[in-house]
Protein backbone atom coordinates (compact mmCIF):
# COMPACT_ATOMS: atom_id res chain seq x y z
CA MET A 1 -9.88 -62.43 -42.86
CA SER A 2 -8.18 -65.09 -41.75
CA GLY A 3 -4.91 -64.26 -39.40
CA PRO A 4 -2.50 -61.86 -38.51
CA HIS A 5 -0.58 -60.42 -41.69
CA PRO A 6 3.20 -61.26 -41.45
CA LEU A 7 5.05 -57.81 -41.74
CA LEU A 8 6.54 -56.95 -44.84
CA ASP A 9 10.69 -57.56 -45.64
CA LEU A 10 11.86 -53.81 -46.65
CA SER A 11 15.49 -52.41 -46.70
CA CYS A 12 16.02 -48.67 -47.21
CA ARG A 13 16.75 -47.32 -50.99
CA LYS A 14 19.42 -45.23 -49.28
CA CYS A 15 20.75 -46.07 -46.53
CA GLY A 16 19.90 -50.10 -46.58
CA ARG A 17 19.07 -49.75 -43.25
CA SER A 18 16.26 -53.47 -43.04
CA ASN A 19 12.81 -53.35 -42.01
CA PRO A 20 12.46 -49.72 -40.66
CA TRP A 21 10.22 -48.38 -38.10
CA VAL A 22 9.16 -45.55 -39.63
CA TYR A 23 8.79 -45.72 -43.62
CA PHE A 24 7.60 -44.03 -46.55
CA ALA A 25 7.51 -45.38 -50.02
CA PRO A 26 6.83 -48.97 -49.95
CA VAL A 27 7.53 -50.93 -53.66
CA MET A 28 6.93 -54.94 -52.80
CA VAL A 29 8.11 -57.82 -55.23
CA GLU A 30 7.26 -61.44 -54.07
CA GLY A 31 7.64 -60.31 -50.89
CA THR A 32 10.67 -58.96 -49.96
CA GLY A 33 10.92 -55.19 -50.88
CA THR A 34 11.87 -51.17 -51.18
CA CYS A 35 11.20 -48.18 -49.30
CA ILE A 36 12.69 -44.68 -47.77
CA CYS A 37 13.15 -44.33 -43.67
CA MET A 38 11.99 -41.11 -41.80
CA ASP A 39 15.87 -41.35 -41.58
CA CYS A 40 16.93 -40.73 -44.71
CA ALA A 41 13.90 -38.12 -45.67
CA THR A 42 14.73 -36.67 -43.48
CA ALA A 43 18.53 -35.78 -43.72
CA ARG A 44 17.45 -35.23 -47.46
CA GLY A 45 15.33 -32.12 -45.99
CA TRP A 46 11.94 -33.90 -47.34
CA LEU A 47 10.14 -33.26 -43.55
CA ASN A 48 8.51 -30.18 -41.75
CA ARG A 49 9.14 -30.52 -38.45
CA ALA A 50 5.54 -33.27 -37.46
CA GLY A 51 7.41 -35.33 -39.92
CA ASN A 52 5.03 -34.63 -43.08
CA PHE A 53 5.95 -34.40 -46.12
CA LYS A 54 7.03 -30.39 -47.71
CA PRO A 55 5.26 -29.06 -50.17
CA GLY A 56 6.20 -30.00 -53.48
CA VAL A 57 7.65 -33.13 -52.33
CA SER A 58 6.03 -36.64 -53.66
CA LEU A 59 7.49 -40.10 -53.53
């Protein structure tokens, strides 16, 4: 490997937040992409108290 990898340019598919610190299900196309931020996953009831997906949830 040569040098550091650039950070991804992501936006949340649910709220539009740009480059969230914690995200799930990134999809990249030509250097830009989408994801689902942790706040949106929590608001939808997809995560347990530890921040892990609840049984039956998959992205």
